[in-house]
Amino acid sequence: MISLQAIIGNKADLPASARQVPAADGAALAREFGVPFVETSAATGAGVDDAFTRVAREVVARAEAAPAGAWPPAGGGAGVRLAGSGGSGRTRPACCG
C-alpha cells in the first residue's frame, strides 16, 4: 500500500495576525516530518489544486519507486493507469475497490 501524509494549512486568505498557527510553523513541522506543506483557503479555493496535485504526484512517485514485487499489492483491483510526466503508463490496482 502506498500512503502519504501532508500538512495542509487552511485559512490562507486570512491575515497572519488572525491565524491560529503561523505558516512558518506549519512549514517547519512539515520539514521535521519530511512531508509536503501547502497552504489553502476554503473560502477562495486558493492552493487546493496545488495541495491535491503535490500529494498525488508524490504517491505516484512512491508507487513507481516501490521495489519489484511490492506493487501491486496482493488482491489486485480494477486498476489505475499512471501516465503523464514521469509516469510509466503501467496499470496499478485501484485503491478503493
C-alpha atoms as a PDB file:
ATOM      1  CA  MET A   1       0.000   0.000   0.000  1.00  0.00           C
ATOM      2  CA  ILE A   2       1.255   3.462  -0.866  1.00  0.00           C
ATOM      3  CA  SER A   3       0.372   6.106   1.692  1.00  0.00           C
ATOM      4  CA  LEU A   4       1.394   9.685   2.224  1.00  0.00           C
ATOM      5  CA  GLN A   5       0.831  12.265   4.886  1.00  0.00           C
ATOM      6  CA  ALA A   6       0.870  16.002   4.298  1.00  0.00           C
ATOM      7  CA  ILE A   7       0.319  19.113   6.353  1.00  0.00           C
ATOM      8  CA  ILE A   8      -2.335  21.341   4.825  1.00  0.00           C
ATOM      9  CA  GLY A   9      -2.730  24.786   6.358  1.00  0.00           C
ATOM     10  CA  ASN A  10      -6.179  26.278   5.872  1.00  0.00           C
ATOM     11  CA  LYS A  11      -7.311  29.909   6.113  1.00  0.00           C
ATOM     12  CA  ALA A  12      -4.542  31.173   3.814  1.00  0.00           C
ATOM     13  CA  ASP A  13      -6.882  34.036   2.900  1.00  0.00           C
ATOM     14  CA  LEU A  14      -6.675  35.484   6.440  1.00  0.00           C
ATOM     15  CA  PRO A  15      -4.020  37.951   7.557  1.00  0.00           C
ATOM     16  CA  ALA A  16      -1.167  36.399   9.552  1.00  0.00           C
ATOM     17  CA  SER A  17      -2.420  38.085  12.745  1.00  0.00           C
ATOM     18  CA  ALA A  18      -5.768  36.247  12.507  1.00  0.00           C
ATOM     19  CA  ARG A  19      -4.347  32.733  12.061  1.00  0.00           C
ATOM     20  CA  GLN A  20      -4.217  30.132  14.828  1.00  0.00           C
ATOM     21  CA  VAL A  21      -0.928  28.683  13.501  1.00  0.00           C
ATOM     22  CA  PRO A  22       1.629  30.779  11.610  1.00  0.00           C
ATOM     23  CA  ALA A  23       2.523  29.478   8.135  1.00  0.00           C
ATOM     24  CA  ALA A  24       6.186  29.304   9.163  1.00  0.00           C
ATOM     25  CA  ASP A  25       5.280  26.877  11.987  1.00  0.00           C
ATOM     26  CA  GLY A  26       3.362  24.645   9.561  1.00  0.00           C
ATOM     27  CA  ALA A  27       6.272  24.631   7.116  1.00  0.00           C
ATOM     28  CA  ALA A  28       8.757  23.851   9.895  1.00  0.00           C
ATOM     29  CA  LEU A  29       6.641  20.945  11.139  1.00  0.00           C
ATOM     30  CA  ALA A  30       6.343  19.582   7.608  1.00  0.00           C
ATOM     31  CA  ARG A  31      10.143  19.720   7.227  1.00  0.00           C
ATOM     32  CA  GLU A  32      10.567  17.971  10.569  1.00  0.00           C
ATOM     33  CA  PHE A  33       8.294  15.120   9.469  1.00  0.00           C
ATOM     34  CA  GLY A  34       9.530  15.111   5.869  1.00  0.00           C
ATOM     35  CA  VAL A  35       6.088  15.705   4.396  1.00  0.00           C
ATOM     36  CA  PRO A  36       4.698  18.286   1.956  1.00  0.00           C
ATOM     37  CA  PHE A  37       3.238  21.535   3.300  1.00  0.00           C
ATOM     38  CA  VAL A  38       0.658  23.534   1.359  1.00  0.00           C
ATOM     39  CA  GLU A  39      -1.487  26.442   2.446  1.00  0.00           C
ATOM     40  CA  THR A  40      -5.068  26.525   1.230  1.00  0.00           C
ATOM     41  CA  SER A  41      -8.200  28.615   1.548  1.00  0.00           C
ATOM     42  CA  ALA A  42     -11.629  27.024   1.577  1.00  0.00           C
ATOM     43  CA  ALA A  43     -13.116  30.491   1.094  1.00  0.00           C
ATOM     44  CA  THR A  44     -11.255  31.326  -2.124  1.00  0.00           C
ATOM     45  CA  GLY A  45     -10.104  27.880  -3.263  1.00  0.00           C
ATOM     46  CA  ALA A  46      -6.507  29.061  -3.357  1.00  0.00           C
ATOM     47  CA  GLY A  47      -3.970  26.270  -3.007  1.00  0.00           C
ATOM     48  CA  VAL A  48      -6.496  23.420  -3.110  1.00  0.00           C
ATOM     49  CA  ASP A  49      -5.478  22.216  -6.582  1.00  0.00           C
ATOM     50  CA  ASP A  50      -1.813  22.575  -5.652  1.00  0.00           C
ATOM     51  CA  ALA A  51      -2.297  20.515  -2.480  1.00  0.00           C
ATOM     52  CA  PHE A  52      -4.048  17.708  -4.344  1.00  0.00           C
ATOM     53  CA  THR A  53      -1.539  17.721  -7.204  1.00  0.00           C
ATOM     54  CA  ARG A  54       1.513  17.644  -4.918  1.00  0.00           C
ATOM     55  CA  VAL A  55       0.147  14.750  -2.879  1.00  0.00           C
ATOM     56  CA  ALA A  56      -0.976  12.816  -5.972  1.00  0.00           C
ATOM     57  CA  ARG A  57       2.426  13.234  -7.671  1.00  0.00           C
ATOM     58  CA  GLU A  58       4.222  12.038  -4.547  1.00  0.00           C
ATOM     59  CA  VAL A  59       2.003   8.944  -4.325  1.00  0.00           C
ATOM     60  CA  VAL A  60       2.725   8.143  -7.989  1.00  0.00           C
ATOM     61  CA  ALA A  61       6.469   8.657  -7.446  1.00  0.00           C
ATOM     62  CA  ARG A  62       6.424   6.324  -4.447  1.00  0.00           C
ATOM     63  CA  ALA A  63       4.470   3.689  -6.380  1.00  0.00           C
ATOM     64  CA  GLU A  64       6.949   3.810  -9.246  1.00  0.00           C
ATOM     65  CA  ALA A  65       9.903   3.628  -6.860  1.00  0.00           C
ATOM     66  CA  ALA A  66       8.491   0.633  -4.958  1.00  0.00           C
ATOM     67  CA  PRO A  67      10.726  -2.448  -5.078  1.00  0.00           C
ATOM     68  CA  ALA A  68       9.836  -5.205  -7.523  1.00  0.00           C
ATOM     69  CA  GLY A  69       7.064  -7.348  -6.107  1.00  0.00           C
ATOM     70  CA  ALA A  70       5.895  -4.681  -3.635  1.00  0.00           C
ATOM     71  CA  TRP A  71       3.431  -3.243  -6.111  1.00  0.00           C
ATOM     72  CA  PRO A  72       0.721  -4.145  -6.927  1.00  0.00           C
ATOM     73  CA  PRO A  73      -0.394  -5.434  -3.544  1.00  0.00           C
ATOM     74  CA  ALA A  74      -1.943  -8.875  -3.197  1.00  0.00           C
ATOM     75  CA  GLY A  75      -5.582  -8.995  -4.180  1.00  0.00           C
ATOM     76  CA  GLY A  76      -5.297  -6.959  -7.363  1.00  0.00           C
ATOM     77  CA  GLY A  77      -8.021  -4.489  -8.181  1.00  0.00           C
ATOM     78  CA  ALA A  78      -9.713  -2.747 -11.044  1.00  0.00           C
ATOM     79  CA  GLY A  79      -6.613  -0.713 -11.803  1.00  0.00           C
ATOM     80  CA  VAL A  80      -5.446   2.836 -12.138  1.00  0.00           C
ATOM     81  CA  ARG A  81      -3.353   3.804 -15.134  1.00  0.00           C
ATOM     82  CA  LEU A  82      -0.413   6.066 -14.322  1.00  0.00           C
ATOM     83  CA  ALA A  83       0.608   8.261 -17.233  1.00  0.00           C
ATOM     84  CA  GLY A  84       1.835  11.737 -17.985  1.00  0.00           C
ATOM     85  CA  SER A  85       5.064  13.405 -16.986  1.00  0.00           C
ATOM     86  CA  GLY A  86       7.157  10.924 -15.096  1.00  0.00           C
ATOM     87  CA  GLY A  87       4.505   8.219 -15.376  1.00  0.00           C
ATOM     88  CA  SER A  88       5.419   4.847 -16.776  1.00  0.00           C
ATOM     89  CA  GLY A  89       1.995   4.085 -18.168  1.00  0.00           C
ATOM     90  CA  ARG A  90       1.846   0.935 -16.010  1.00  0.00           C
ATOM     91  CA  THR A  91      -1.511  -0.172 -14.645  1.00  0.00           C
ATOM     92  CA  ARG A  92      -1.927  -0.169 -10.868  1.00  0.00           C
ATOM     93  CA  PRO A  93      -4.765  -1.632  -8.786  1.00  0.00           C
ATOM     94  CA  ALA A  94      -7.446   0.779  -7.634  1.00  0.00           C
ATOM     95  CA  CYS A  95      -7.205   1.823  -4.018  1.00  0.00           C
ATOM     96  CA  CYS A  96     -10.819   1.830  -3.063  1.00  0.00           C
ATOM     97  CA  GLY A  97     -12.473  -1.093  -4.858  1.00  0.00           C
END
